[in-house]
Amino acid sequence: MLNNEKGFIMPVTLIIILIVCSFVTFQMNQYVIEKNYFFEASEMYTAERLLQMAIVDVEQHLVNQHENHLSGKFHYENGEVIFVINKEVDDVFSITLTSKTLNQRSRKIMYYYYSDVGTVLPWLKEK
């Protein structure tokens, strides 16, 4: 064996490998967190979009049906919306919508609909 080996290259190589592995692990962790965030944001957007489509469909349903209490379900490409309609006073209906995406993410809102004018009253309650 050689007597002039000082052991410089091996520790430096190990330190560089450790730094590179730590950096790659950190970046992979950041990627997974970001991927999960964008998936959840996409699911919430889908649930919100389902509610918006259901508001239009419930309004059309109210025009065709003149009952004091109605409930049902709308099926869409990205999920479904369950609705419950109750008559509050003469021309005001309270409507509860619960959207559920294909991945079982749900969102629930309750709002009031004024049937004489055909508009949603200016406030929505989110449950």
N, C-alpha and C. Protein backbone atom coordinates (compact mmCIF):
# COMPACT_ATOMS: atom_id res chain seq x y z
N MET A 1 0.83 -1.18 0.00
CA MET A 1 0.00 0.00 0.00
C MET A 1 0.87 1.24 0.00
N LEU A 2 0.24 2.30 -0.45
CA LEU A 2 0.97 3.57 -0.51
C LEU A 2 0.87 4.27 0.83
N ASN A 3 1.95 4.85 1.26
CA ASN A 3 1.97 5.55 2.54
C ASN A 3 1.59 7.01 2.43
N ASN A 4 1.43 7.54 1.20
CA ASN A 4 1.16 8.97 1.05
C ASN A 4 -0.34 9.26 0.87
N GLU A 5 -1.24 8.33 1.12
CA GLU A 5 -2.68 8.59 1.01
C GLU A 5 -3.13 9.39 2.23
N LYS A 6 -3.76 10.53 1.98
CA LYS A 6 -4.20 11.40 3.06
C LYS A 6 -5.72 11.31 3.28
N GLY A 7 -6.48 10.69 2.35
CA GLY A 7 -7.92 10.53 2.52
C GLY A 7 -8.71 11.81 2.27
N PHE A 8 -8.38 12.55 1.22
CA PHE A 8 -9.06 13.80 0.92
C PHE A 8 -10.23 13.59 -0.05
N ILE A 9 -10.07 12.78 -1.05
CA ILE A 9 -11.07 12.64 -2.11
C ILE A 9 -12.32 11.91 -1.62
N MET A 10 -12.19 10.86 -0.86
CA MET A 10 -13.34 10.09 -0.40
C MET A 10 -14.29 10.93 0.47
N PRO A 11 -13.85 11.65 1.49
CA PRO A 11 -14.79 12.47 2.28
C PRO A 11 -15.44 13.58 1.47
N VAL A 12 -14.70 14.21 0.58
CA VAL A 12 -15.28 15.28 -0.26
C VAL A 12 -16.34 14.68 -1.17
N THR A 13 -16.09 13.55 -1.76
CA THR A 13 -17.07 12.89 -2.62
C THR A 13 -18.32 12.52 -1.84
N LEU A 14 -18.14 11.99 -0.64
CA LEU A 14 -19.30 11.64 0.19
C LEU A 14 -20.11 12.87 0.58
N ILE A 15 -19.45 13.95 0.90
CA ILE A 15 -20.16 15.20 1.25
C ILE A 15 -20.93 15.73 0.05
N ILE A 16 -20.32 15.71 -1.12
CA ILE A 16 -21.01 16.18 -2.34
C ILE A 16 -22.22 15.29 -2.64
N ILE A 17 -22.07 13.99 -2.50
CA ILE A 17 -23.19 13.06 -2.73
C ILE A 17 -24.30 13.31 -1.72
N LEU A 18 -23.95 13.55 -0.46
CA LEU A 18 -24.94 13.85 0.56
C LEU A 18 -25.70 15.14 0.25
N ILE A 19 -25.00 16.17 -0.19
CA ILE A 19 -25.65 17.44 -0.53
C ILE A 19 -26.58 17.26 -1.73
N VAL A 20 -26.13 16.55 -2.75
CA VAL A 20 -26.97 16.32 -3.94
C VAL A 20 -28.20 15.49 -3.57
N CYS A 21 -28.02 14.45 -2.78
CA CYS A 21 -29.17 13.63 -2.36
C CYS A 21 -30.16 14.43 -1.52
N SER A 22 -29.65 15.28 -0.64
CA SER A 22 -30.53 16.13 0.18
C SER A 22 -31.32 17.09 -0.70
N PHE A 23 -30.66 17.68 -1.69
CA PHE A 23 -31.33 18.61 -2.59
C PHE A 23 -32.42 17.90 -3.41
N VAL A 24 -32.10 16.71 -3.92
CA VAL A 24 -33.08 15.95 -4.71
C VAL A 24 -34.27 15.55 -3.84
N THR A 25 -34.02 15.13 -2.62
CA THR A 25 -35.10 14.76 -1.71
C THR A 25 -35.98 15.97 -1.39
N PHE A 26 -35.38 17.11 -1.14
CA PHE A 26 -36.13 18.33 -0.87
C PHE A 26 -37.00 18.71 -2.07
N GLN A 27 -36.44 18.66 -3.27
CA GLN A 27 -37.19 19.02 -4.47
C GLN A 27 -38.33 18.04 -4.72
N MET A 28 -38.11 16.76 -4.47
CA MET A 28 -39.19 15.79 -4.63
C MET A 28 -40.31 16.04 -3.64
N ASN A 29 -39.97 16.39 -2.42
CA ASN A 29 -40.97 16.70 -1.41
C ASN A 29 -41.78 17.94 -1.82
N GLN A 30 -41.10 18.96 -2.32
CA GLN A 30 -41.79 20.17 -2.78
C GLN A 30 -42.73 19.84 -3.95
N TYR A 31 -42.28 18.98 -4.84
CA TYR A 31 -43.09 18.58 -5.98
C TYR A 31 -44.37 17.87 -5.53
N VAL A 32 -44.24 16.95 -4.59
CA VAL A 32 -45.41 16.21 -4.10
C VAL A 32 -46.39 17.15 -3.41
N ILE A 33 -45.89 18.08 -2.61
CA ILE A 33 -46.76 19.04 -1.94
C ILE A 33 -47.48 19.91 -2.97
N GLU A 34 -46.76 20.38 -3.96
CA GLU A 34 -47.37 21.22 -4.99
C GLU A 34 -48.39 20.45 -5.82
N LYS A 35 -48.09 19.20 -6.12
CA LYS A 35 -49.03 18.37 -6.88
C LYS A 35 -50.31 18.16 -6.09
N ASN A 36 -50.21 17.88 -4.80
CA ASN A 36 -51.40 17.71 -3.96
C ASN A 36 -52.20 19.00 -3.86
N TYR A 37 -51.52 20.13 -3.76
CA TYR A 37 -52.21 21.42 -3.69
C TYR A 37 -53.01 21.68 -4.96
N PHE A 38 -52.39 21.46 -6.12
CA PHE A 38 -53.10 21.72 -7.37
C PHE A 38 -54.24 20.73 -7.58
N PHE A 39 -54.10 19.51 -7.09
CA PHE A 39 -55.20 18.56 -7.17
C PHE A 39 -56.38 19.03 -6.33
N GLU A 40 -56.10 19.47 -5.10
CA GLU A 40 -57.18 19.96 -4.23
C GLU A 40 -57.81 21.23 -4.80
N ALA A 41 -57.00 22.12 -5.35
CA ALA A 41 -57.55 23.34 -5.97
C ALA A 41 -58.43 22.99 -7.15
N SER A 42 -58.03 22.01 -7.92
CA SER A 42 -58.83 21.57 -9.05
C SER A 42 -60.15 20.96 -8.58
N GLU A 43 -60.10 20.19 -7.51
CA GLU A 43 -61.33 19.59 -6.97
C GLU A 43 -62.28 20.67 -6.44
N MET A 44 -61.75 21.66 -5.77
CA MET A 44 -62.61 22.74 -5.26
C MET A 44 -63.21 23.55 -6.41
N TYR A 45 -62.43 23.77 -7.46
CA TYR A 45 -62.95 24.46 -8.64
C TYR A 45 -64.07 23.64 -9.27
N THR A 46 -63.88 22.34 -9.37
CA THR A 46 -64.90 21.47 -9.95
C THR A 46 -66.18 21.50 -9.10
N ALA A 47 -66.02 21.45 -7.78
CA ALA A 47 -67.19 21.51 -6.89
C ALA A 47 -67.91 22.84 -7.04
N GLU A 48 -67.15 23.92 -7.16
CA GLU A 48 -67.76 25.25 -7.35
C GLU A 48 -68.48 25.34 -8.69
N ARG A 49 -67.88 24.80 -9.71
CA ARG A 49 -68.49 24.82 -11.05
C ARG A 49 -69.77 23.98 -11.07
N LEU A 50 -69.77 22.86 -10.37
CA LEU A 50 -70.99 22.05 -10.27
C LEU A 50 -72.11 22.84 -9.60
N LEU A 51 -71.77 23.60 -8.56
CA LEU A 51 -72.78 24.41 -7.88
C LEU A 51 -73.33 25.49 -8.81
N GLN A 52 -72.47 26.12 -9.60
CA GLN A 52 -72.93 27.15 -10.51
C GLN A 52 -73.87 26.58 -11.58
N MET A 53 -73.53 25.40 -12.10
CA MET A 53 -74.43 24.78 -13.08
C MET A 53 -75.75 24.38 -12.44
N ALA A 54 -75.69 23.92 -11.19
CA ALA A 54 -76.91 23.50 -10.50
C ALA A 54 -77.82 24.68 -10.19
N ILE A 55 -77.26 25.85 -9.89
CA ILE A 55 -78.09 27.03 -9.64
C ILE A 55 -78.94 27.34 -10.86
N VAL A 56 -78.36 27.26 -12.05
CA VAL A 56 -79.11 27.50 -13.28
C VAL A 56 -80.17 26.42 -13.47
N ASP A 57 -79.80 25.16 -13.24
CA ASP A 57 -80.75 24.07 -13.43
C ASP A 57 -81.88 24.10 -12.41
N VAL A 58 -81.58 24.50 -11.17
CA VAL A 58 -82.63 24.61 -10.14
C VAL A 58 -83.60 25.72 -10.51
N GLU A 59 -83.09 26.81 -11.03
CA GLU A 59 -83.97 27.90 -11.46
C GLU A 59 -84.92 27.42 -12.55
N GLN A 60 -84.42 26.67 -13.52
CA GLN A 60 -85.29 26.12 -14.57
C GLN A 60 -86.27 25.11 -13.98
N HIS A 61 -85.81 24.36 -13.00
CA HIS A 61 -86.68 23.37 -12.35
C HIS A 61 -87.81 24.07 -11.58
N LEU A 62 -87.49 25.19 -10.93
CA LEU A 62 -88.52 25.94 -10.19
C LEU A 62 -89.56 26.54 -11.11
N VAL A 63 -89.14 26.96 -12.30
CA VAL A 63 -90.09 27.53 -13.25
C VAL A 63 -91.08 26.46 -13.70
N ASN A 64 -90.60 25.24 -13.88
CA ASN A 64 -91.47 24.16 -14.35
C ASN A 64 -92.31 23.53 -13.24
N GLN A 65 -91.79 23.47 -12.03
CA GLN A 65 -92.49 22.85 -10.90
C GLN A 65 -92.96 23.95 -9.95
N HIS A 66 -94.16 23.83 -9.46
CA HIS A 66 -94.69 24.85 -8.54
C HIS A 66 -95.10 24.19 -7.23
N GLU A 67 -94.16 23.52 -6.61
CA GLU A 67 -94.42 22.86 -5.34
C GLU A 67 -93.73 23.62 -4.21
N ASN A 68 -94.18 23.37 -2.98
CA ASN A 68 -93.59 24.05 -1.82
C ASN A 68 -92.30 23.38 -1.35
N HIS A 69 -92.16 22.12 -1.59
CA HIS A 69 -90.95 21.40 -1.16
C HIS A 69 -90.54 20.45 -2.27
N LEU A 70 -89.32 20.56 -2.69
CA LEU A 70 -88.79 19.71 -3.75
C LEU A 70 -87.39 19.27 -3.38
N SER A 71 -87.03 18.11 -3.79
CA SER A 71 -85.64 17.67 -3.64
C SER A 71 -85.31 16.75 -4.80
N GLY A 72 -84.03 16.64 -5.06
CA GLY A 72 -83.62 15.79 -6.17
C GLY A 72 -82.13 15.83 -6.35
N LYS A 73 -81.72 15.32 -7.51
CA LYS A 73 -80.30 15.20 -7.79
C LYS A 73 -80.07 15.48 -9.26
N PHE A 74 -79.05 16.28 -9.55
CA PHE A 74 -78.61 16.52 -10.91
C PHE A 74 -77.29 15.78 -11.12
N HIS A 75 -77.18 15.07 -12.23
CA HIS A 75 -75.95 14.37 -12.56
C HIS A 75 -75.24 15.12 -13.67
N TYR A 76 -73.97 15.38 -13.47
CA TYR A 76 -73.14 16.07 -14.45
C TYR A 76 -71.94 15.19 -14.78
N GLU A 77 -71.17 15.63 -15.75
CA GLU A 77 -70.00 14.87 -16.19
C GLU A 77 -68.96 14.72 -15.07
N ASN A 78 -68.77 15.77 -14.26
CA ASN A 78 -67.73 15.77 -13.24
C ASN A 78 -68.25 15.46 -11.83
N GLY A 79 -69.51 15.12 -11.70
CA GLY A 79 -70.05 14.82 -10.38
C GLY A 79 -71.55 14.97 -10.35
N GLU A 80 -72.07 15.21 -9.16
CA GLU A 80 -73.51 15.33 -8.99
C GLU A 80 -73.81 16.40 -7.94
N VAL A 81 -75.03 16.91 -8.00
CA VAL A 81 -75.48 17.93 -7.05
C VAL A 81 -76.83 17.50 -6.51
N ILE A 82 -76.94 17.49 -5.18
CA ILE A 82 -78.20 17.19 -4.51
C ILE A 82 -78.83 18.52 -4.10
N PHE A 83 -80.09 18.70 -4.40
CA PHE A 83 -80.75 19.96 -4.05
C PHE A 83 -81.98 19.70 -3.21
N VAL A 84 -82.25 20.66 -2.32
CA VAL A 84 -83.46 20.66 -1.49
C VAL A 84 -84.03 22.07 -1.57
N ILE A 85 -85.29 22.16 -1.97
CA ILE A 85 -85.96 23.46 -2.13
C ILE A 85 -87.11 23.53 -1.15
N ASN A 86 -87.14 24.59 -0.35
CA ASN A 86 -88.23 24.84 0.59
C ASN A 86 -88.79 26.23 0.33
N LYS A 87 -90.11 26.35 0.44
CA LYS A 87 -90.74 27.66 0.28
C LYS A 87 -90.72 28.37 1.63
N GLU A 88 -90.11 29.55 1.67
CA GLU A 88 -90.00 30.31 2.92
C GLU A 88 -91.22 31.21 3.12
N VAL A 89 -91.43 32.15 2.20
CA VAL A 89 -92.61 33.02 2.21
C VAL A 89 -93.20 32.97 0.81
N ASP A 90 -94.08 33.90 0.50
CA ASP A 90 -94.85 33.83 -0.75
C ASP A 90 -94.01 33.48 -1.97
N ASP A 91 -93.04 34.29 -2.30
CA ASP A 91 -92.28 34.08 -3.53
C ASP A 91 -90.80 33.85 -3.27
N VAL A 92 -90.45 33.49 -2.07
CA VAL A 92 -89.04 33.27 -1.73
C VAL A 92 -88.84 31.80 -1.37
N PHE A 93 -87.86 31.19 -2.02
CA PHE A 93 -87.51 29.80 -1.76
C PHE A 93 -86.11 29.73 -1.18
N SER A 94 -85.92 28.88 -0.19
CA SER A 94 -84.56 28.60 0.28
C SER A 94 -84.11 27.33 -0.42
N ILE A 95 -82.91 27.39 -0.95
CA ILE A 95 -82.38 26.28 -1.73
C ILE A 95 -81.05 25.85 -1.14
N THR A 96 -80.92 24.59 -0.86
CA THR A 96 -79.67 24.03 -0.36
C THR A 96 -79.10 23.11 -1.43
N LEU A 97 -77.86 23.37 -1.81
CA LEU A 97 -77.18 22.56 -2.82
C LEU A 97 -75.95 21.91 -2.19
N THR A 98 -75.76 20.65 -2.48
CA THR A 98 -74.57 19.93 -2.04
C THR A 98 -73.95 19.28 -3.27
N SER A 99 -72.77 19.75 -3.65
CA SER A 99 -72.10 19.16 -4.81
C SER A 99 -71.11 18.11 -4.34
N LYS A 100 -70.97 17.09 -5.16
CA LYS A 100 -70.02 16.01 -4.86
C LYS A 100 -69.30 15.65 -6.16
N THR A 101 -67.98 15.79 -6.17
CA THR A 101 -67.20 15.48 -7.36
C THR A 101 -67.02 13.98 -7.49
N LEU A 102 -66.40 13.56 -8.58
CA LEU A 102 -66.16 12.14 -8.79
C LEU A 102 -65.21 11.56 -7.75
N ASN A 103 -64.36 12.41 -7.17
CA ASN A 103 -63.42 11.98 -6.13
C ASN A 103 -63.98 12.19 -4.73
N GLN A 104 -65.31 12.36 -4.63
CA GLN A 104 -66.03 12.49 -3.36
C GLN A 104 -65.69 13.75 -2.57
N ARG A 105 -65.25 14.81 -3.22
CA ARG A 105 -65.08 16.10 -2.55
C ARG A 105 -66.41 16.81 -2.62
N SER A 106 -66.85 17.38 -1.51
CA SER A 106 -68.18 18.00 -1.51
C SER A 106 -68.09 19.45 -1.04
N ARG A 107 -69.12 20.18 -1.44
CA ARG A 107 -69.27 21.58 -1.03
C ARG A 107 -70.75 21.84 -0.90
N LYS A 108 -71.13 22.58 0.12
CA LYS A 108 -72.55 22.81 0.40
C LYS A 108 -72.80 24.30 0.54
N ILE A 109 -73.86 24.77 -0.13
CA ILE A 109 -74.27 26.17 0.02
C ILE A 109 -75.78 26.21 0.21
N MET A 110 -76.24 27.33 0.76
CA MET A 110 -77.66 27.58 0.92
C MET A 110 -77.90 29.02 0.48
N TYR A 111 -78.90 29.22 -0.37
CA TYR A 111 -79.20 30.57 -0.84
C TYR A 111 -80.71 30.72 -0.99
N TYR A 112 -81.12 31.95 -1.24
CA TYR A 112 -82.54 32.25 -1.39
C TYR A 112 -82.82 32.71 -2.81
N TYR A 113 -83.95 32.27 -3.34
CA TYR A 113 -84.35 32.58 -4.72
C TYR A 113 -85.68 33.29 -4.69
N TYR A 114 -85.74 34.43 -5.35
CA TYR A 114 -86.97 35.24 -5.44
C TYR A 114 -87.64 34.91 -6.76
N SER A 115 -88.76 34.18 -6.70
CA SER A 115 -89.35 33.64 -7.92
C SER A 115 -90.08 34.67 -8.77
N ASP A 116 -90.61 35.77 -8.17
CA ASP A 116 -91.30 36.80 -8.97
C ASP A 116 -90.36 37.43 -9.98
N VAL A 117 -89.18 37.81 -9.52
CA VAL A 117 -88.22 38.47 -10.40
C VAL A 117 -87.34 37.44 -11.10
N GLY A 118 -87.22 36.27 -10.51
CA GLY A 118 -86.40 35.23 -11.10
C GLY A 118 -84.92 35.41 -10.83
N THR A 119 -84.59 35.91 -9.64
CA THR A 119 -83.19 36.16 -9.32
C THR A 119 -82.83 35.51 -7.99
N VAL A 120 -81.55 35.31 -7.83
CA VAL A 120 -81.01 34.87 -6.56
C VAL A 120 -80.85 36.12 -5.70
N LEU A 121 -81.32 36.06 -4.47
CA LEU A 121 -81.13 37.21 -3.59
C LEU A 121 -79.63 37.43 -3.37
N PRO A 122 -79.22 38.66 -3.14
CA PRO A 122 -77.80 39.00 -3.22
C PRO A 122 -76.90 38.38 -2.17
N TRP A 123 -77.38 37.49 -1.37
CA TRP A 123 -76.48 36.87 -0.39
C TRP A 123 -76.59 35.36 -0.42
N LEU A 124 -75.46 34.74 -0.35
CA LEU A 124 -75.35 33.29 -0.30
C LEU A 124 -74.74 32.90 1.03
N LYS A 125 -75.17 31.83 1.60
CA LYS A 125 -74.56 31.32 2.81
C LYS A 125 -73.84 30.03 2.48
N GLU A 126 -72.62 29.94 2.90
CA GLU A 126 -71.88 28.71 2.70
C GLU A 126 -71.83 27.97 4.02
N LYS A 127 -72.16 26.70 3.96
CA LYS A 127 -72.17 25.89 5.19
C LYS A 127 -70.93 25.04 5.22
